[in-house]
């Protein structure tokens, strides 16, 4: 799977191992993020947790910032929250723009 540009229509979830590879983070780090509540599996009871594909970009960005600035993993939790909120707000802006300026 090419993690640089994933088609969300082609895949809706990613396993823990692939998420580690895509975000350049260890499984231990991702488990700690799960403990903090920043990363939630789609089905918490699965032996091999699957995660929404939407986690890849914010995790990748947070991981890069963590390495570049030597940040604690708890700071990654805060970054994840802000990055996900930014994506939500961008989606809302796009929806409002589509309602305001419909295609002709």
PDB file of N, CA and C in Angstrom:
ATOM      1  N   UNK A   1       0.853  -1.181   0.000  1.00  0.00           N
ATOM      2  CA  UNK A   1       0.000   0.000   0.000  1.00  0.00           C
ATOM      3  C   UNK A   1       0.894   1.237   0.000  1.00  0.00           C
ATOM      4  N   UNK A   2       0.601   2.181  -0.866  1.00  0.00           N
ATOM      5  CA  UNK A   2       1.372   3.431  -0.927  1.00  0.00           C
ATOM      6  C   UNK A   2       0.788   4.392   0.098  1.00  0.00           C
ATOM      7  N   UNK A   3       1.529   4.659   1.165  1.00  0.00           N
ATOM      8  CA  UNK A   3       1.024   5.486   2.248  1.00  0.00           C
ATOM      9  C   UNK A   3       1.179   6.973   1.985  1.00  0.00           C
ATOM     10  N   UNK A   4       1.928   7.335   0.944  1.00  0.00           N
ATOM     11  CA  UNK A   4       2.092   8.750   0.643  1.00  0.00           C
ATOM     12  C   UNK A   4       0.798   9.346   0.103  1.00  0.00           C
ATOM     13  N   UNK A   5       0.059   8.583  -0.661  1.00  0.00           N
ATOM     14  CA  UNK A   5      -1.192   9.084  -1.215  1.00  0.00           C
ATOM     15  C   UNK A   5      -2.208   7.949  -1.232  1.00  0.00           C
ATOM     16  N   UNK A   6      -2.946   7.799  -0.142  1.00  0.00           N
ATOM     17  CA  UNK A   6      -3.915   6.721  -0.011  1.00  0.00           C
ATOM     18  C   UNK A   6      -5.263   7.211  -0.483  1.00  0.00           C
ATOM     19  N   UNK A   7      -5.882   6.434  -1.329  1.00  0.00           N
ATOM     20  CA  UNK A   7      -7.219   6.751  -1.819  1.00  0.00           C
ATOM     21  C   UNK A   7      -8.224   6.291  -0.763  1.00  0.00           C
ATOM     22  N   UNK A   8      -8.942   7.222  -0.106  1.00  0.00           N
ATOM     23  CA  UNK A   8      -9.870   6.829   0.956  1.00  0.00           C
ATOM     24  C   UNK A   8     -11.005   5.954   0.455  1.00  0.00           C
ATOM     25  N   UNK A   9     -11.262   5.955  -0.855  1.00  0.00           N
ATOM     26  CA  UNK A   9     -12.307   5.092  -1.400  1.00  0.00           C
ATOM     27  C   UNK A   9     -11.811   3.658  -1.549  1.00  0.00           C
ATOM     28  N   UNK A  10     -10.494   3.489  -1.701  1.00  0.00           N
ATOM     29  CA  UNK A  10      -9.922   2.162  -1.887  1.00  0.00           C
ATOM     30  C   UNK A  10      -9.797   1.421  -0.552  1.00  0.00           C
ATOM     31  N   UNK A  11      -9.555   2.139   0.524  1.00  0.00           N
ATOM     32  CA  UNK A  11      -9.392   1.524   1.837  1.00  0.00           C
ATOM     33  C   UNK A  11     -10.012   2.439   2.881  1.00  0.00           C
ATOM     34  N   UNK A  12     -10.705   1.835   3.821  1.00  0.00           N
ATOM     35  CA  UNK A  12     -11.323   2.653   4.871  1.00  0.00           C
ATOM     36  C   UNK A  12     -10.663   2.424   6.219  1.00  0.00           C
ATOM     37  N   UNK A  13      -9.807   1.392   6.298  1.00  0.00           N
ATOM     38  CA  UNK A  13      -9.142   1.124   7.564  1.00  0.00           C
ATOM     39  C   UNK A  13      -7.716   0.644   7.308  1.00  0.00           C
ATOM     40  N   UNK A  14      -6.942   0.692   8.372  1.00  0.00           N
ATOM     41  CA  UNK A  14      -5.540   0.287   8.311  1.00  0.00           C
ATOM     42  C   UNK A  14      -5.214  -0.455   9.606  1.00  0.00           C
ATOM     43  N   UNK A  15      -4.408  -1.514   9.504  1.00  0.00           N
ATOM     44  CA  UNK A  15      -4.039  -2.271  10.698  1.00  0.00           C
ATOM     45  C   UNK A  15      -2.918  -1.547  11.442  1.00  0.00           C
ATOM     46  N   UNK A  16      -2.675  -1.963  12.666  1.00  0.00           N
ATOM     47  CA  UNK A  16      -1.676  -1.320  13.522  1.00  0.00           C
ATOM     48  C   UNK A  16      -0.292  -1.349  12.876  1.00  0.00           C
ATOM     49  N   UNK A  17       0.099  -2.470  12.323  1.00  0.00           N
ATOM     50  CA  UNK A  17       1.417  -2.609  11.699  1.00  0.00           C
ATOM     51  C   UNK A  17       1.582  -1.623  10.556  1.00  0.00           C
ATOM     52  N   UNK A  18       0.571  -1.528   9.693  1.00  0.00           N
ATOM     53  CA  UNK A  18       0.642  -0.607   8.566  1.00  0.00           C
ATOM     54  C   UNK A  18       0.595   0.853   9.020  1.00  0.00           C
ATOM     55  N   UNK A  19      -0.141   1.117  10.091  1.00  0.00           N
ATOM     56  CA  UNK A  19      -0.190   2.472  10.636  1.00  0.00           C
ATOM     57  C   UNK A  19       1.188   2.872  11.184  1.00  0.00           C
ATOM     58  N   UNK A  20       1.877   1.925  11.824  1.00  0.00           N
ATOM     59  CA  UNK A  20       3.243   2.178  12.309  1.00  0.00           C
ATOM     60  C   UNK A  20       4.150   2.560  11.148  1.00  0.00           C
ATOM     61  N   UNK A  21       4.062   1.822  10.055  1.00  0.00           N
ATOM     62  CA  UNK A  21       4.900   2.079   8.885  1.00  0.00           C
ATOM     63  C   UNK A  21       4.541   3.425   8.269  1.00  0.00           C
ATOM     64  N   UNK A  22       3.250   3.680   8.104  1.00  0.00           N
ATOM     65  CA  UNK A  22       2.791   4.910   7.447  1.00  0.00           C
ATOM     66  C   UNK A  22       3.185   6.156   8.224  1.00  0.00           C
ATOM     67  N   UNK A  23       3.212   6.061   9.538  1.00  0.00           N
ATOM     68  CA  UNK A  23       3.458   7.239  10.375  1.00  0.00           C
ATOM     69  C   UNK A  23       4.849   7.255  10.986  1.00  0.00           C
ATOM     70  N   UNK A  24       5.641   6.228  10.708  1.00  0.00           N
ATOM     71  CA  UNK A  24       6.999   6.120  11.251  1.00  0.00           C
ATOM     72  C   UNK A  24       6.996   6.229  12.772  1.00  0.00           C
ATOM     73  N   UNK A  25       6.060   5.496  13.383  1.00  0.00           N
ATOM     74  CA  UNK A  25       5.974   5.460  14.843  1.00  0.00           C
ATOM     75  C   UNK A  25       5.966   3.996  15.270  1.00  0.00           C
ATOM     76  N   UNK A  26       6.429   3.738  16.467  1.00  0.00           N
ATOM     77  CA  UNK A  26       6.482   2.360  16.967  1.00  0.00           C
ATOM     78  C   UNK A  26       5.098   1.908  17.435  1.00  0.00           C
ATOM     79  N   UNK A  27       4.931   0.588  17.504  1.00  0.00           N
ATOM     80  CA  UNK A  27       3.681   0.031  18.013  1.00  0.00           C
ATOM     81  C   UNK A  27       3.471   0.450  19.465  1.00  0.00           C
ATOM     82  N   UNK A  28       4.561   0.521  20.232  1.00  0.00           N
ATOM     83  CA  UNK A  28       4.455   0.949  21.635  1.00  0.00           C
ATOM     84  C   UNK A  28       3.920   2.377  21.728  1.00  0.00           C
ATOM     85  N   UNK A  29       4.414   3.256  20.835  1.00  0.00           N
ATOM     86  CA  UNK A  29       3.910   4.634  20.823  1.00  0.00           C
ATOM     87  C   UNK A  29       2.429   4.669  20.481  1.00  0.00           C
ATOM     88  N   UNK A  30       2.025   3.887  19.489  1.00  0.00           N
ATOM     89  CA  UNK A  30       0.613   3.883  19.094  1.00  0.00           C
ATOM     90  C   UNK A  30      -0.266   3.292  20.195  1.00  0.00           C
ATOM     91  N   UNK A  31       0.236   2.285  20.901  1.00  0.00           N
ATOM     92  CA  UNK A  31      -0.525   1.742  22.036  1.00  0.00           C
ATOM     93  C   UNK A  31      -0.670   2.788  23.137  1.00  0.00           C
ATOM     94  N   UNK A  32       0.391   3.568  23.349  1.00  0.00           N
ATOM     95  CA  UNK A  32       0.308   4.635  24.356  1.00  0.00           C
ATOM     96  C   UNK A  32      -0.696   5.703  23.926  1.00  0.00           C
ATOM     97  N   UNK A  33      -0.716   6.024  22.641  1.00  0.00           N
ATOM     98  CA  UNK A  33      -1.708   6.980  22.132  1.00  0.00           C
ATOM     99  C   UNK A  33      -3.119   6.425  22.313  1.00  0.00           C
ATOM    100  N   UNK A  34      -3.271   5.113  22.169  1.00  0.00           N
ATOM    101  CA  UNK A  34      -4.581   4.491  22.421  1.00  0.00           C
ATOM    102  C   UNK A  34      -4.942   4.630  23.896  1.00  0.00           C
ATOM    103  N   UNK A  35      -3.966   4.427  24.784  1.00  0.00           N
ATOM    104  CA  UNK A  35      -4.213   4.576  26.224  1.00  0.00           C
ATOM    105  C   UNK A  35      -4.649   5.998  26.573  1.00  0.00           C
ATOM    106  N   UNK A  36      -4.068   6.993  25.895  1.00  0.00           N
ATOM    107  CA  UNK A  36      -4.433   8.394  26.114  1.00  0.00           C
ATOM    108  C   UNK A  36      -5.776   8.755  25.483  1.00  0.00           C
ATOM    109  N   UNK A  37      -6.278   7.896  24.594  1.00  0.00           N
ATOM    110  CA  UNK A  37      -7.542   8.173  23.925  1.00  0.00           C
ATOM    111  C   UNK A  37      -7.404   8.974  22.643  1.00  0.00           C
ATOM    112  N   UNK A  38      -6.165   9.188  22.183  1.00  0.00           N
ATOM    113  CA  UNK A  38      -5.931   9.958  20.957  1.00  0.00           C
ATOM    114  C   UNK A  38      -6.077   9.094  19.716  1.00  0.00           C
ATOM    115  N   UNK A  39      -6.028   7.797  19.890  1.00  0.00           N
ATOM    116  CA  UNK A  39      -6.112   6.847  18.788  1.00  0.00           C
ATOM    117  C   UNK A  39      -7.077   5.749  19.199  1.00  0.00           C
ATOM    118  N   UNK A  40      -8.166   5.605  18.460  1.00  0.00           N
ATOM    119  CA  UNK A  40      -9.202   4.652  18.836  1.00  0.00           C
ATOM    120  C   UNK A  40      -9.416   3.640  17.717  1.00  0.00           C
ATOM    121  N   UNK A  41      -9.286   2.339  18.027  1.00  0.00           N
ATOM    122  CA  UNK A  41      -9.547   1.333  17.002  1.00  0.00           C
ATOM    123  C   UNK A  41     -11.022   1.336  16.603  1.00  0.00           C
ATOM    124  N   UNK A  42     -11.283   0.892  15.383  1.00  0.00           N
ATOM    125  CA  UNK A  42     -12.669   0.832  14.914  1.00  0.00           C
ATOM    126  C   UNK A  42     -13.483  -0.151  15.751  1.00  0.00           C
ATOM    127  N   UNK A  43     -12.900  -1.300  16.058  1.00  0.00           N
ATOM    128  CA  UNK A  43     -13.529  -2.308  16.920  1.00  0.00           C
ATOM    129  C   UNK A  43     -12.566  -2.611  18.062  1.00  0.00           C
ATOM    130  N   UNK A  44     -12.812  -2.088  19.249  1.00  0.00           N
ATOM    131  CA  UNK A  44     -11.862  -2.237  20.350  1.00  0.00           C
ATOM    132  C   UNK A  44     -11.604  -3.680  20.773  1.00  0.00           C
ATOM    133  N   UNK A  45     -12.470  -4.602  20.399  1.00  0.00           N
ATOM    134  CA  UNK A  45     -12.318  -5.992  20.834  1.00  0.00           C
ATOM    135  C   UNK A  45     -11.484  -6.829  19.875  1.00  0.00           C
ATOM    136  N   UNK A  46     -11.140  -6.305  18.708  1.00  0.00           N
ATOM    137  CA  UNK A  46     -10.359  -7.074  17.733  1.00  0.00           C
ATOM    138  C   UNK A  46      -8.963  -7.356  18.268  1.00  0.00           C
ATOM    139  N   UNK A  47      -8.465  -8.572  17.978  1.00  0.00           N
ATOM    140  CA  UNK A  47      -7.098  -8.907  18.390  1.00  0.00           C
ATOM    141  C   UNK A  47      -6.089  -8.114  17.570  1.00  0.00           C
ATOM    142  N   UNK A  48      -6.367  -7.886  16.302  1.00  0.00           N
ATOM    143  CA  UNK A  48      -5.533  -7.042  15.443  1.00  0.00           C
ATOM    144  C   UNK A  48      -6.323  -5.768  15.187  1.00  0.00           C
ATOM    145  N   UNK A  49      -6.040  -4.705  15.953  1.00  0.00           N
ATOM    146  CA  UNK A  49      -6.853  -3.491  15.824  1.00  0.00           C
ATOM    147  C   UNK A  49      -6.756  -2.866  14.437  1.00  0.00           C
ATOM    148  N   UNK A  50      -7.878  -2.375  13.965  1.00  0.00           N
ATOM    149  CA  UNK A  50      -7.981  -1.644  12.704  1.00  0.00           C
ATOM    150  C   UNK A  50      -8.344  -0.202  13.045  1.00  0.00           C
ATOM    151  N   UNK A  51      -7.765   0.719  12.293  1.00  0.00           N
ATOM    152  CA  UNK A  51      -7.983   2.132  12.554  1.00  0.00           C
ATOM    153  C   UNK A  51      -8.504   2.813  11.301  1.00  0.00           C
ATOM    154  N   UNK A  52      -9.262   3.866  11.488  1.00  0.00           N
ATOM    155  CA  UNK A  52      -9.755   4.650  10.350  1.00  0.00           C
ATOM    156  C   UNK A  52      -8.567   5.202   9.588  1.00  0.00           C
ATOM    157  N   UNK A  53      -8.660   5.183   8.287  1.00  0.00           N
ATOM    158  CA  UNK A  53      -7.593   5.660   7.415  1.00  0.00           C
ATOM    159  C   UNK A  53      -7.317   7.149   7.660  1.00  0.00           C
ATOM    160  N   UNK A  54      -8.291   7.849   8.199  1.00  0.00           N
ATOM    161  CA  UNK A  54      -8.145   9.293   8.457  1.00  0.00           C
ATOM    162  C   UNK A  54      -7.105   9.602   9.529  1.00  0.00           C
ATOM    163  N   UNK A  55      -6.660   8.588  10.289  1.00  0.00           N
ATOM    164  CA  UNK A  55      -5.620   8.816  11.295  1.00  0.00           C
ATOM    165  C   UNK A  55      -4.239   9.020  10.672  1.00  0.00           C
ATOM    166  N   UNK A  56      -4.040   8.558   9.446  1.00  0.00           N
ATOM    167  CA  UNK A  56      -2.692   8.562   8.876  1.00  0.00           C
ATOM    168  C   UNK A  56      -2.100   9.957   8.781  1.00  0.00           C
ATOM    169  N   UNK A  57      -2.799  10.885   8.176  1.00  0.00           N
ATOM    170  CA  UNK A  57      -2.221  12.228   7.986  1.00  0.00           C
ATOM    171  C   UNK A  57      -1.923  12.945   9.295  1.00  0.00           C
ATOM    172  N   UNK A  58      -2.882  13.023  10.238  1.00  0.00           N
ATOM    173  CA  UNK A  58      -2.541  13.721  11.486  1.00  0.00           C
ATOM    174  C   UNK A  58      -1.438  13.015  12.280  1.00  0.00           C
ATOM    175  N   UNK A  59      -1.418  11.674  12.257  1.00  0.00           N
ATOM    176  CA  UNK A  59      -0.366  10.946  12.960  1.00  0.00           C
ATOM    177  C   UNK A  59       0.991  11.171  12.300  1.00  0.00           C
ATOM    178  N   UNK A  60       1.005  11.164  10.980  1.00  0.00           N
ATOM    179  CA  UNK A  60       2.256  11.394  10.259  1.00  0.00           C
ATOM    180  C   UNK A  60       2.790  12.794  10.583  1.00  0.00           C
ATOM    181  N   UNK A  61       1.913  13.793  10.534  1.00  0.00           N
ATOM    182  CA  UNK A  61       2.314  15.168  10.829  1.00  0.00           C
ATOM    183  C   UNK A  61       2.785  15.305  12.275  1.00  0.00           C
ATOM    184  N   UNK A  62       2.028  14.740  13.207  1.00  0.00           N
ATOM    185  CA  UNK A  62       2.402  14.810  14.618  1.00  0.00           C
ATOM    186  C   UNK A  62       3.722  14.083  14.863  1.00  0.00           C
ATOM    187  N   UNK A  63       3.927  12.965  14.190  1.00  0.00           N
ATOM    188  CA  UNK A  63       5.175  12.221  14.331  1.00  0.00           C
ATOM    189  C   UNK A  63       6.372  13.004  13.828  1.00  0.00           C
ATOM    190  N   UNK A  64       6.207  13.685  12.704  1.00  0.00           N
ATOM    191  CA  UNK A  64       7.285  14.521  12.155  1.00  0.00           C
ATOM    192  C   UNK A  64       7.616  15.644  13.126  1.00  0.00           C
ATOM    193  N   UNK A  65       6.587  16.315  13.636  1.00  0.00           N
ATOM    194  CA  UNK A  65       6.814  17.399  14.602  1.00  0.00           C
ATOM    195  C   UNK A  65       7.479  16.868  15.876  1.00  0.00           C
ATOM    196  N   UNK A  66       7.077  15.669  16.291  1.00  0.00           N
ATOM    197  CA  UNK A  66       7.666  15.067  17.494  1.00  0.00           C
ATOM    198  C   UNK A  66       9.162  14.841  17.300  1.00  0.00           C
ATOM    199  N   UNK A  67       9.526  14.278  16.148  1.00  0.00           N
ATOM    200  CA  UNK A  67      10.940  14.004  15.883  1.00  0.00           C
ATOM    201  C   UNK A  67      11.729  15.300  15.683  1.00  0.00           C
ATOM    202  N   UNK A  68      11.160  16.239  14.944  1.00  0.00           N
ATOM    203  CA  UNK A  68      11.864  17.493  14.666  1.00  0.00           C
ATOM    204  C   UNK A  68      12.125  18.324  15.917  1.00  0.00           C
ATOM    205  N   UNK A  69      11.180  18.298  16.846  1.00  0.00           N
ATOM    206  CA  UNK A  69      11.286  19.144  18.035  1.00  0.00           C
ATOM    207  C   UNK A  69      11.477  18.352  19.329  1.00  0.00           C
ATOM    208  N   UNK A  70      11.723  17.040  19.199  1.00  0.00           N
ATOM    209  CA  UNK A  70      11.962  16.172  20.353  1.00  0.00           C
ATOM    210  C   UNK A  70      10.844  16.318  21.397  1.00  0.00           C
ATOM    211  N   UNK A  71       9.607  16.171  20.931  1.00  0.00           N
ATOM    212  CA  UNK A  71       8.445  16.351  21.799  1.00  0.00           C
ATOM    213  C   UNK A  71       8.092  15.064  22.521  1.00  0.00           C
ATOM    214  N   UNK A  72       7.540  15.205  23.697  1.00  0.00           N
ATOM    215  CA  UNK A  72       7.017  14.093  24.474  1.00  0.00           C
ATOM    216  C   UNK A  72       5.784  13.524  23.766  1.00  0.00           C
ATOM    217  N   UNK A  73       5.523  12.250  23.974  1.00  0.00           N
ATOM    218  CA  UNK A  73       4.378  11.612  23.326  1.00  0.00           C
ATOM    219  C   UNK A  73       3.056  12.250  23.755  1.00  0.00           C
ATOM    220  N   UNK A  74       2.990  12.742  24.982  1.00  0.00           N
ATOM    221  CA  UNK A  74       1.754  13.392  25.423  1.00  0.00           C
ATOM    222  C   UNK A  74       1.468  14.645  24.597  1.00  0.00           C
ATOM    223  N   UNK A  75       2.509  15.336  24.144  1.00  0.00           N
ATOM    224  CA  UNK A  75       2.328  16.498  23.279  1.00  0.00           C
ATOM    225  C   UNK A  75       1.727  16.059  21.941  1.00  0.00           C
ATOM    226  N   UNK A  76       2.081  14.857  21.498  1.00  0.00           N
ATOM    227  CA  UNK A  76       1.500  14.312  20.267  1.00  0.00           C
ATOM    228  C   UNK A  76      -0.016  14.174  20.421  1.00  0.00           C
ATOM    229  N   UNK A  77      -0.453  13.811  21.613  1.00  0.00           N
ATOM    230  CA  UNK A  77      -1.899  13.718  21.879  1.00  0.00           C
ATOM    231  C   UNK A  77      -2.564  15.067  21.638  1.00  0.00           C
ATOM    232  N   UNK A  78      -1.965  16.113  22.142  1.00  0.00           N
ATOM    233  CA  UNK A  78      -2.506  17.462  21.967  1.00  0.00           C
ATOM    234  C   UNK A  78      -2.475  17.850  20.494  1.00  0.00           C
ATOM    235  N   UNK A  79      -1.353  17.565  19.828  1.00  0.00           N
ATOM    236  CA  UNK A  79      -1.251  17.856  18.393  1.00  0.00           C
ATOM    237  C   UNK A  79      -2.314  17.112  17.594  1.00  0.00           C
ATOM    238  N   UNK A  80      -2.515  15.843  17.910  1.00  0.00           N
ATOM    239  CA  UNK A  80      -3.521  15.043  17.199  1.00  0.00           C
ATOM    240  C   UNK A  80      -4.901  15.682  17.317  1.00  0.00           C
ATOM    241  N   UNK A  81      -5.229  16.131  18.511  1.00  0.00           N
ATOM    242  CA  UNK A  81      -6.526  16.763  18.735  1.00  0.00           C
ATOM    243  C   UNK A  81      -6.679  18.002  17.854  1.00  0.00           C
ATOM    244  N   UNK A  82      -5.652  18.853  17.844  1.00  0.00           N
ATOM    245  CA  UNK A  82      -5.710  20.068  17.024  1.00  0.00           C
ATOM    246  C   UNK A  82      -5.726  19.753  15.529  1.00  0.00           C
ATOM    247  N   UNK A  83      -4.916  18.809  15.106  1.00  0.00           N
ATOM    248  CA  UNK A  83      -4.867  18.467  13.685  1.00  0.00           C
ATOM    249  C   UNK A  83      -6.200  17.892  13.200  1.00  0.00           C
ATOM    250  N   UNK A  84      -6.821  17.046  14.023  1.00  0.00           N
ATOM    251  CA  UNK A  84      -8.124  16.494  13.645  1.00  0.00           C
ATOM    252  C   UNK A  84      -9.192  17.580  13.632  1.00  0.00           C
ATOM    253  N   UNK A  85      -9.104  18.510  14.550  1.00  0.00           N
ATOM    254  CA  UNK A  85     -10.063  19.629  14.579  1.00  0.00           C
ATOM    255  C   UNK A  85      -9.904  20.507  13.341  1.00  0.00           C
ATOM    256  N   UNK A  86      -8.676  20.729  12.914  1.00  0.00           N
ATOM    257  CA  UNK A  86      -8.432  21.512  11.703  1.00  0.00           C
ATOM    258  C   UNK A  86      -9.076  20.834  10.493  1.00  0.00           C
ATOM    259  N   UNK A  87      -8.929  19.531  10.387  1.00  0.00           N
ATOM    260  CA  UNK A  87      -9.538  18.796   9.275  1.00  0.00           C
ATOM    261  C   UNK A  87     -11.058  18.939   9.313  1.00  0.00           C
ATOM    262  N   UNK A  88     -11.657  18.833  10.499  1.00  0.00           N
ATOM    263  CA  UNK A  88     -13.108  19.000  10.630  1.00  0.00           C
ATOM    264  C   UNK A  88     -13.538  20.393  10.186  1.00  0.00           C
ATOM    265  N   UNK A  89     -12.808  21.395  10.620  1.00  0.00           N
ATOM    266  CA  UNK A  89     -13.153  22.772  10.251  1.00  0.00           C
ATOM    267  C   UNK A  89     -12.980  23.012   8.749  1.00  0.00           C
ATOM    268  N   UNK A  90     -11.932  22.438   8.165  1.00  0.00           N
ATOM    269  CA  UNK A  90     -11.748  22.562   6.719  1.00  0.00           C
ATOM    270  C   UNK A  90     -12.903  21.915   5.964  1.00  0.00           C
ATOM    271  N   UNK A  91     -13.368  20.758   6.442  1.00  0.00           N
ATOM    272  CA  UNK A  91     -14.516  20.090   5.821  1.00  0.00           C
ATOM    273  C   UNK A  91     -15.767  20.960   5.909  1.00  0.00           C
ATOM    274  N   UNK A  92     -15.968  21.592   7.059  1.00  0.00           N
ATOM    275  CA  UNK A  92     -17.129  22.470   7.222  1.00  0.00           C
ATOM    276  C   UNK A  92     -17.042  23.663   6.278  1.00  0.00           C
ATOM    277  N   UNK A  93     -15.868  24.235   6.122  1.00  0.00           N
ATOM    278  CA  UNK A  93     -15.688  25.368   5.208  1.00  0.00           C
ATOM    279  C   UNK A  93     -16.025  24.937   3.782  1.00  0.00           C
ATOM    280  N   UNK A  94     -15.546  23.757   3.371  1.00  0.00           N
ATOM    281  CA  UNK A  94     -15.826  23.267   2.019  1.00  0.00           C
ATOM    282  C   UNK A  94     -17.325  23.043   1.812  1.00  0.00           C
ATOM    283  N   UNK A  95     -17.997  22.507   2.826  1.00  0.00           N
ATOM    284  CA  UNK A  95     -19.443  22.292   2.728  1.00  0.00           C
ATOM    285  C   UNK A  95     -20.181  23.619   2.614  1.00  0.00           C
ATOM    286  N   UNK A  96     -19.784  24.590   3.415  1.00  0.00           N
ATOM    287  CA  UNK A  96     -20.429  25.908   3.356  1.00  0.00           C
ATOM    288  C   UNK A  96     -20.170  26.600   2.022  1.00  0.00           C
ATOM    289  N   UNK A  97     -18.973  26.455   1.510  1.00  0.00           N
ATOM    290  CA  UNK A  97     -18.660  27.038   0.205  1.00  0.00           C
ATOM    291  C   UNK A  97     -19.493  26.377  -0.891  1.00  0.00           C
ATOM    292  N   UNK A  98     -19.690  25.077  -0.797  1.00  0.00           N
ATOM    293  CA  UNK A  98     -20.488  24.358  -1.794  1.00  0.00           C
ATOM    294  C   UNK A  98     -21.958  24.808  -1.726  1.00  0.00           C
ATOM    295  N   UNK A  99     -22.446  25.114  -0.533  1.00  0.00           N
ATOM    296  CA  UNK A  99     -23.820  25.582  -0.394  1.00  0.00           C
ATOM    297  C   UNK A  99     -23.962  27.022  -0.880  1.00  0.00           C
ATOM    298  N   UNK A 100     -22.961  27.826  -0.627  1.00  0.00           N
ATOM    299  CA  UNK A 100     -22.991  29.242  -0.989  1.00  0.00           C
ATOM    300  C   UNK A 100     -22.747  29.457  -2.473  1.00  0.00           C
ATOM    301  N   UNK A 101     -21.833  28.705  -3.016  1.00  0.00           N
ATOM    302  CA  UNK A 101     -21.463  28.844  -4.430  1.00  0.00           C
ATOM    303  C   UNK A 101     -21.655  27.514  -5.143  1.00  0.00           C
ATOM    304  N   UNK A 102     -22.913  27.107  -5.396  1.00  0.00           N
ATOM    305  CA  UNK A 102     -23.143  25.816  -6.027  1.00  0.00           C
ATOM    306  C   UNK A 102     -22.590  25.805  -7.466  1.00  0.00           C
ATOM    307  N   UNK A 103     -22.163  24.646  -7.901  1.00  0.00           N
ATOM    308  CA  UNK A 103     -21.636  24.491  -9.271  1.00  0.00           C
ATOM    309  C   UNK A 103     -22.777  24.690 -10.263  1.00  0.00           C
ATOM    310  N   UNK A 104     -22.461  25.344 -11.359  1.00  0.00           N
ATOM    311  CA  UNK A 104     -23.486  25.610 -12.369  1.00  0.00           C
ATOM    312  C   UNK A 104     -23.487  24.569 -13.426  1.00  0.00           C
TER     313      UNK A 104
END
